Amino acid sequence: MWLKKMSEVKTYRITGWINKPNFENRFRKELRSIKPEDAIEELYKIFGSKHRVKRFQIKIEKVEEVPAEEPNERT
């Protein structure tokens, strides 16, 4: 019998800044996903729809996994 290992969903904290004309802002966002690449894509999607920010205007400094014991921030 084949047993397939299920992927574990993790929480990732993404920090960086938005650099638009006449507007610059730092951000820290926690997102749940399977891979860090998926969390980055979700960040681009959220910021693009809510803040009308293009991908090239978002500069990501770091992506880190948040331990399960650490309390989550408001996302």
PDB file of N, CA and C in Angstrom:
ATOM      1  N   MET A   1       0.832  -1.173   0.000  1.00  0.00           N
ATOM      2  CA  MET A   1       0.000   0.000   0.000  1.00  0.00           C
ATOM      3  C   MET A   1       0.885   1.247   0.000  1.00  0.00           C
ATOM      4  N   TRP A   2       0.559   2.156  -0.884  1.00  0.00           N
ATOM      5  CA  TRP A   2       1.330   3.388  -0.995  1.00  0.00           C
ATOM      6  C   TRP A   2       0.816   4.410  -0.011  1.00  0.00           C
ATOM      7  N   LEU A   3       1.721   4.941   0.772  1.00  0.00           N
ATOM      8  CA  LEU A   3       1.365   6.021   1.686  1.00  0.00           C
ATOM      9  C   LEU A   3       2.036   7.293   1.197  1.00  0.00           C
ATOM     10  N   LYS A   4       1.249   8.290   1.033  1.00  0.00           N
ATOM     11  CA  LYS A   4       1.754   9.551   0.546  1.00  0.00           C
ATOM     12  C   LYS A   4       1.930  10.500   1.726  1.00  0.00           C
ATOM     13  N   LYS A   5       3.105  11.083   1.851  1.00  0.00           N
ATOM     14  CA  LYS A   5       3.346  12.027   2.931  1.00  0.00           C
ATOM     15  C   LYS A   5       2.637  13.338   2.606  1.00  0.00           C
ATOM     16  N   MET A   6       1.837  13.785   3.547  1.00  0.00           N
ATOM     17  CA  MET A   6       1.113  15.043   3.334  1.00  0.00           C
ATOM     18  C   MET A   6       2.021  16.219   3.637  1.00  0.00           C
ATOM     19  N   SER A   7       1.874  17.271   2.889  1.00  0.00           N
ATOM     20  CA  SER A   7       2.668  18.469   3.103  1.00  0.00           C
ATOM     21  C   SER A   7       2.142  19.221   4.315  1.00  0.00           C
ATOM     22  N   GLU A   8       3.067  19.780   5.039  1.00  0.00           N
ATOM     23  CA  GLU A   8       2.700  20.520   6.245  1.00  0.00           C
ATOM     24  C   GLU A   8       2.614  22.008   5.931  1.00  0.00           C
ATOM     25  N   VAL A   9       1.534  22.637   6.322  1.00  0.00           N
ATOM     26  CA  VAL A   9       1.366  24.070   6.118  1.00  0.00           C
ATOM     27  C   VAL A   9       2.107  24.796   7.232  1.00  0.00           C
ATOM     28  N   LYS A  10       2.931  25.765   6.846  1.00  0.00           N
ATOM     29  CA  LYS A  10       3.734  26.524   7.802  1.00  0.00           C
ATOM     30  C   LYS A  10       3.395  27.996   7.691  1.00  0.00           C
ATOM     31  N   THR A  11       3.801  28.748   8.695  1.00  0.00           N
ATOM     32  CA  THR A  11       3.612  30.192   8.684  1.00  0.00           C
ATOM     33  C   THR A  11       4.954  30.848   8.376  1.00  0.00           C
ATOM     34  N   TYR A  12       4.942  31.778   7.421  1.00  0.00           N
ATOM     35  CA  TYR A  12       6.155  32.492   7.023  1.00  0.00           C
ATOM     36  C   TYR A  12       5.970  33.975   7.286  1.00  0.00           C
ATOM     37  N   ARG A  13       7.019  34.606   7.814  1.00  0.00           N
ATOM     38  CA  ARG A  13       7.020  36.055   8.033  1.00  0.00           C
ATOM     39  C   ARG A  13       7.868  36.682   6.929  1.00  0.00           C
ATOM     40  N   ILE A  14       7.247  37.580   6.174  1.00  0.00           N
ATOM     41  CA  ILE A  14       7.916  38.253   5.063  1.00  0.00           C
ATOM     42  C   ILE A  14       8.078  39.725   5.435  1.00  0.00           C
ATOM     43  N   THR A  15       9.309  40.230   5.355  1.00  0.00           N
ATOM     44  CA  THR A  15       9.562  41.642   5.648  1.00  0.00           C
ATOM     45  C   THR A  15      10.188  42.294   4.419  1.00  0.00           C
ATOM     46  N   GLY A  16       9.918  43.573   4.272  1.00  0.00           N
ATOM     47  CA  GLY A  16      10.457  44.320   3.145  1.00  0.00           C
ATOM     48  C   GLY A  16       9.880  45.719   3.100  1.00  0.00           C
ATOM     49  N   TRP A  17       9.887  46.320   1.912  1.00  0.00           N
ATOM     50  CA  TRP A  17       9.323  47.651   1.752  1.00  0.00           C
ATOM     51  C   TRP A  17       8.677  47.818   0.387  1.00  0.00           C
ATOM     52  N   ILE A  18       7.758  48.781   0.342  1.00  0.00           N
ATOM     53  CA  ILE A  18       7.072  49.150  -0.896  1.00  0.00           C
ATOM     54  C   ILE A  18       7.659  50.480  -1.334  1.00  0.00           C
ATOM     55  N   ASN A  19       8.056  50.576  -2.581  1.00  0.00           N
ATOM     56  CA  ASN A  19       8.658  51.795  -3.099  1.00  0.00           C
ATOM     57  C   ASN A  19       7.877  52.256  -4.323  1.00  0.00           C
ATOM     58  N   LYS A  20       6.903  53.144  -4.078  1.00  0.00           N
ATOM     59  CA  LYS A  20       6.106  53.733  -5.154  1.00  0.00           C
ATOM     60  C   LYS A  20       6.487  55.200  -5.276  1.00  0.00           C
ATOM     61  N   PRO A  21       6.188  55.839  -6.388  1.00  0.00           N
ATOM     62  CA  PRO A  21       6.434  57.277  -6.481  1.00  0.00           C
ATOM     63  C   PRO A  21       5.630  58.012  -5.398  1.00  0.00           C
ATOM     64  N   ASN A  22       6.297  58.869  -4.680  1.00  0.00           N
ATOM     65  CA  ASN A  22       5.698  59.672  -3.600  1.00  0.00           C
ATOM     66  C   ASN A  22       5.196  58.832  -2.430  1.00  0.00           C
ATOM     67  N   PHE A  23       5.630  57.584  -2.326  1.00  0.00           N
ATOM     68  CA  PHE A  23       5.180  56.722  -1.227  1.00  0.00           C
ATOM     69  C   PHE A  23       6.200  55.613  -0.997  1.00  0.00           C
ATOM     70  N   GLU A  24       6.681  55.524   0.241  1.00  0.00           N
ATOM     71  CA  GLU A  24       7.577  54.435   0.618  1.00  0.00           C
ATOM     72  C   GLU A  24       7.154  53.951   1.995  1.00  0.00           C
ATOM     73  N   ASN A  25       7.015  52.640   2.137  1.00  0.00           N
ATOM     74  CA  ASN A  25       6.511  52.094   3.387  1.00  0.00           C
ATOM     75  C   ASN A  25       7.131  50.725   3.640  1.00  0.00           C
ATOM     76  N   ARG A  26       7.474  50.458   4.899  1.00  0.00           N
ATOM     77  CA  ARG A  26       7.981  49.149   5.289  1.00  0.00           C
ATOM     78  C   ARG A  26       6.803  48.258   5.664  1.00  0.00           C
ATOM     79  N   PHE A  27       6.989  46.943   5.524  1.00  0.00           N
ATOM     80  CA  PHE A  27       5.920  46.021   5.892  1.00  0.00           C
ATOM     81  C   PHE A  27       6.501  44.760   6.512  1.00  0.00           C
ATOM     82  N   ARG A  28       5.659  44.101   7.290  1.00  0.00           N
ATOM     83  CA  ARG A  28       5.934  42.763   7.836  1.00  0.00           C
ATOM     84  C   ARG A  28       4.612  42.020   7.802  1.00  0.00           C
ATOM     85  N   LYS A  29       4.589  40.911   7.099  1.00  0.00           N
ATOM     86  CA  LYS A  29       3.344  40.173   6.879  1.00  0.00           C
ATOM     87  C   LYS A  29       3.578  38.700   7.166  1.00  0.00           C
ATOM     88  N   GLU A  30       2.639  38.068   7.876  1.00  0.00           N
ATOM     89  CA  GLU A  30       2.701  36.637   8.131  1.00  0.00           C
ATOM     90  C   GLU A  30       1.637  35.940   7.291  1.00  0.00           C
ATOM     91  N   LEU A  31       2.084  34.944   6.524  1.00  0.00           N
ATOM     92  CA  LEU A  31       1.190  34.205   5.642  1.00  0.00           C
ATOM     93  C   LEU A  31       1.411  32.714   5.822  1.00  0.00           C
ATOM     94  N   ARG A  32       0.345  31.939   5.671  1.00  0.00           N
ATOM     95  CA  ARG A  32       0.426  30.480   5.784  1.00  0.00           C
ATOM     96  C   ARG A  32       0.489  29.875   4.389  1.00  0.00           C
ATOM     97  N   SER A  33       1.470  28.981   4.189  1.00  0.00           N
ATOM     98  CA  SER A  33       1.586  28.270   2.920  1.00  0.00           C
ATOM     99  C   SER A  33       2.474  27.039   3.116  1.00  0.00           C
ATOM    100  N   ILE A  34       2.590  26.257   2.072  1.00  0.00           N
ATOM    101  CA  ILE A  34       3.400  25.050   2.133  1.00  0.00           C
ATOM    102  C   ILE A  34       4.874  25.383   1.889  1.00  0.00           C
ATOM    103  N   LYS A  35       5.137  26.256   0.907  1.00  0.00           N
ATOM    104  CA  LYS A  35       6.506  26.631   0.557  1.00  0.00           C
ATOM    105  C   LYS A  35       6.671  28.145   0.692  1.00  0.00           C
ATOM    106  N   PRO A  36       7.889  28.627   0.945  1.00  0.00           N
ATOM    107  CA  PRO A  36       8.097  30.078   1.022  1.00  0.00           C
ATOM    108  C   PRO A  36       7.787  30.784  -0.296  1.00  0.00           C
ATOM    109  N   GLU A  37       8.012  30.106  -1.419  1.00  0.00           N
ATOM    110  CA  GLU A  37       7.714  30.712  -2.725  1.00  0.00           C
ATOM    111  C   GLU A  37       6.220  30.987  -2.873  1.00  0.00           C
ATOM    112  N   ASP A  38       5.402  30.092  -2.334  1.00  0.00           N
ATOM    113  CA  ASP A  38       3.948  30.304  -2.383  1.00  0.00           C
ATOM    114  C   ASP A  38       3.530  31.484  -1.517  1.00  0.00           C
ATOM    115  N   ALA A  39       4.206  31.663  -0.378  1.00  0.00           N
ATOM    116  CA  ALA A  39       3.905  32.800   0.500  1.00  0.00           C
ATOM    117  C   ALA A  39       4.254  34.113  -0.189  1.00  0.00           C
ATOM    118  N   ILE A  40       5.358  34.143  -0.920  1.00  0.00           N
ATOM    119  CA  ILE A  40       5.753  35.356  -1.647  1.00  0.00           C
ATOM    120  C   ILE A  40       4.729  35.669  -2.738  1.00  0.00           C
ATOM    121  N   GLU A  41       4.282  34.663  -3.468  1.00  0.00           N
ATOM    122  CA  GLU A  41       3.262  34.880  -4.499  1.00  0.00           C
ATOM    123  C   GLU A  41       1.970  35.428  -3.895  1.00  0.00           C
ATOM    124  N   GLU A  42       1.585  34.905  -2.736  1.00  0.00           N
ATOM    125  CA  GLU A  42       0.378  35.390  -2.056  1.00  0.00           C
ATOM    126  C   GLU A  42       0.548  36.848  -1.633  1.00  0.00           C
ATOM    127  N   LEU A  43       1.747  37.212  -1.176  1.00  0.00           N
ATOM    128  CA  LEU A  43       2.030  38.599  -0.799  1.00  0.00           C
ATOM    129  C   LEU A  43       1.876  39.526  -2.008  1.00  0.00           C
ATOM    130  N   TYR A  44       2.459  39.136  -3.145  1.00  0.00           N
ATOM    131  CA  TYR A  44       2.316  39.934  -4.368  1.00  0.00           C
ATOM    132  C   TYR A  44       0.842  40.101  -4.737  1.00  0.00           C
ATOM    133  N   LYS A  45       0.083  39.041  -4.605  1.00  0.00           N
ATOM    134  CA  LYS A  45      -1.343  39.067  -4.959  1.00  0.00           C
ATOM    135  C   LYS A  45      -2.116  40.008  -4.031  1.00  0.00           C
ATOM    136  N   ILE A  46      -1.858  39.921  -2.734  1.00  0.00           N
ATOM    137  CA  ILE A  46      -2.575  40.763  -1.761  1.00  0.00           C
ATOM    138  C   ILE A  46      -2.223  42.234  -1.952  1.00  0.00           C
ATOM    139  N   PHE A  47      -0.925  42.540  -2.035  1.00  0.00           N
ATOM    140  CA  PHE A  47      -0.524  43.937  -2.177  1.00  0.00           C
ATOM    141  C   PHE A  47      -0.951  44.522  -3.521  1.00  0.00           C
ATOM    142  N   GLY A  48      -0.951  43.699  -4.552  1.00  0.00           N
ATOM    143  CA  GLY A  48      -1.391  44.189  -5.855  1.00  0.00           C
ATOM    144  C   GLY A  48      -2.863  44.541  -5.867  1.00  0.00           C
ATOM    145  N   SER A  49      -3.678  43.749  -5.188  1.00  0.00           N
ATOM    146  CA  SER A  49      -5.119  44.005  -5.211  1.00  0.00           C
ATOM    147  C   SER A  49      -5.535  45.072  -4.201  1.00  0.00           C
ATOM    148  N   LYS A  50      -4.949  45.073  -3.018  1.00  0.00           N
ATOM    149  CA  LYS A  50      -5.376  46.022  -1.986  1.00  0.00           C
ATOM    150  C   LYS A  50      -4.718  47.391  -2.109  1.00  0.00           C
ATOM    151  N   HIS A  51      -3.452  47.415  -2.538  1.00  0.00           N
ATOM    152  CA  HIS A  51      -2.701  48.663  -2.552  1.00  0.00           C
ATOM    153  C   HIS A  51      -2.289  49.111  -3.947  1.00  0.00           C
ATOM    154  N   ARG A  52      -2.670  48.352  -4.967  1.00  0.00           N
ATOM    155  CA  ARG A  52      -2.326  48.667  -6.363  1.00  0.00           C
ATOM    156  C   ARG A  52      -0.816  48.839  -6.544  1.00  0.00           C
ATOM    157  N   VAL A  53      -0.057  47.919  -5.943  1.00  0.00           N
ATOM    158  CA  VAL A  53       1.397  47.931  -6.029  1.00  0.00           C
ATOM    159  C   VAL A  53       1.832  46.901  -7.060  1.00  0.00           C
ATOM    160  N   LYS A  54       2.727  47.301  -7.956  1.00  0.00           N
ATOM    161  CA  LYS A  54       3.276  46.369  -8.944  1.00  0.00           C
ATOM    162  C   LYS A  54       4.366  45.528  -8.294  1.00  0.00           C
ATOM    163  N   ARG A  55       4.641  44.382  -8.890  1.00  0.00           N
ATOM    164  CA  ARG A  55       5.637  43.473  -8.320  1.00  0.00           C
ATOM    165  C   ARG A  55       7.010  44.115  -8.209  1.00  0.00           C
ATOM    166  N   PHE A  56       7.410  44.913  -9.202  1.00  0.00           N
ATOM    167  CA  PHE A  56       8.741  45.509  -9.164  1.00  0.00           C
ATOM    168  C   PHE A  56       8.851  46.597  -8.098  1.00  0.00           C
ATOM    169  N   GLN A  57       7.725  47.059  -7.546  1.00  0.00           N
ATOM    170  CA  GLN A  57       7.741  48.071  -6.487  1.00  0.00           C
ATOM    171  C   GLN A  57       7.850  47.451  -5.097  1.00  0.00           C
ATOM    172  N   ILE A  58       7.769  46.132  -4.999  1.00  0.00           N
ATOM    173  CA  ILE A  58       7.872  45.431  -3.721  1.00  0.00           C
ATOM    174  C   ILE A  58       9.283  44.855  -3.607  1.00  0.00           C
ATOM    175  N   LYS A  59       9.989  45.247  -2.572  1.00  0.00           N
ATOM    176  CA  LYS A  59      11.339  44.742  -2.304  1.00  0.00           C
ATOM    177  C   LYS A  59      11.278  43.878  -1.049  1.00  0.00           C
ATOM    178  N   ILE A  60      11.589  42.607  -1.180  1.00  0.00           N
ATOM    179  CA  ILE A  60      11.528  41.676  -0.060  1.00  0.00           C
ATOM    180  C   ILE A  60      12.918  41.537   0.547  1.00  0.00           C
ATOM    181  N   GLU A  61      13.024  41.809   1.853  1.00  0.00           N
ATOM    182  CA  GLU A  61      14.298  41.680   2.550  1.00  0.00           C
ATOM    183  C   GLU A  61      14.552  40.258   2.999  1.00  0.00           C
ATOM    184  N   LYS A  62      13.566  39.646   3.666  1.00  0.00           N
ATOM    185  CA  LYS A  62      13.772  38.273   4.127  1.00  0.00           C
ATOM    186  C   LYS A  62      12.448  37.554   4.311  1.00  0.00           C
ATOM    187  N   VAL A  63      12.536  36.250   4.202  1.00  0.00           N
ATOM    188  CA  VAL A  63      11.409  35.357   4.434  1.00  0.00           C
ATOM    189  C   VAL A  63      11.878  34.355   5.476  1.00  0.00           C
ATOM    190  N   GLU A  64      11.165  34.277   6.603  1.00  0.00           N
ATOM    191  CA  GLU A  64      11.558  33.349   7.658  1.00  0.00           C
ATOM    192  C   GLU A  64      10.357  32.556   8.133  1.00  0.00           C
ATOM    193  N   GLU A  65      10.625  31.328   8.525  1.00  0.00           N
ATOM    194  CA  GLU A  65       9.561  30.472   9.044  1.00  0.00           C
ATOM    195  C   GLU A  65       9.307  30.832  10.501  1.00  0.00           C
ATOM    196  N   VAL A  66       8.038  30.982  10.853  1.00  0.00           N
ATOM    197  CA  VAL A  66       7.658  31.313  12.216  1.00  0.00           C
ATOM    198  C   VAL A  66       7.427  30.012  12.972  1.00  0.00           C
ATOM    199  N   PRO A  67       8.090  29.830  14.121  1.00  0.00           N
ATOM    200  CA  PRO A  67       7.857  28.605  14.900  1.00  0.00           C
ATOM    201  C   PRO A  67       6.396  28.492  15.329  1.00  0.00           C
ATOM    202  N   ALA A  68       5.937  27.269  15.469  1.00  0.00           N
ATOM    203  CA  ALA A  68       4.530  27.023  15.830  1.00  0.00           C
ATOM    204  C   ALA A  68       4.197  27.543  17.212  1.00  0.00           C
ATOM    205  N   GLU A  69       5.181  27.594  18.118  1.00  0.00           N
ATOM    206  CA  GLU A  69       4.934  28.054  19.478  1.00  0.00           C
ATOM    207  C   GLU A  69       4.771  29.572  19.574  1.00  0.00           C
ATOM    208  N   GLU A  70       5.335  30.293  18.617  1.00  0.00           N
ATOM    209  CA  GLU A  70       5.306  31.756  18.671  1.00  0.00           C
ATOM    210  C   GLU A  70       3.904  32.255  18.324  1.00  0.00           C
ATOM    211  N   PRO A  71       3.389  33.205  19.100  1.00  0.00           N
ATOM    212  CA  PRO A  71       2.040  33.729  18.788  1.00  0.00           C
ATOM    213  C   PRO A  71       2.043  34.490  17.468  1.00  0.00           C
ATOM    214  N   ASN A  72       0.962  34.340  16.711  1.00  0.00           N
ATOM    215  CA  ASN A  72       0.848  35.007  15.418  1.00  0.00           C
ATOM    216  C   ASN A  72       0.463  36.461  15.612  1.00  0.00           C
ATOM    217  N   GLU A  73       0.940  37.285  14.676  1.00  0.00           N
ATOM    218  CA  GLU A  73       0.540  38.680  14.659  1.00  0.00           C
ATOM    219  C   GLU A  73      -0.757  38.797  13.900  1.00  0.00           C
ATOM    220  N   ARG A  74      -1.360  39.949  13.997  1.00  0.00           N
ATOM    221  CA  ARG A  74      -2.545  40.213  13.188  1.00  0.00           C
ATOM    222  C   ARG A  74      -2.110  40.365  11.748  1.00  0.00           C
ATOM    223  N   THR A  75      -2.671  39.570  10.843  1.00  0.00           N
ATOM    224  CA  THR A  75      -2.256  39.642   9.442  1.00  0.00           C
ATOM    225  C   THR A  75      -3.305  40.330   8.615  1.00  0.00           C
TER     226      THR A  75
END
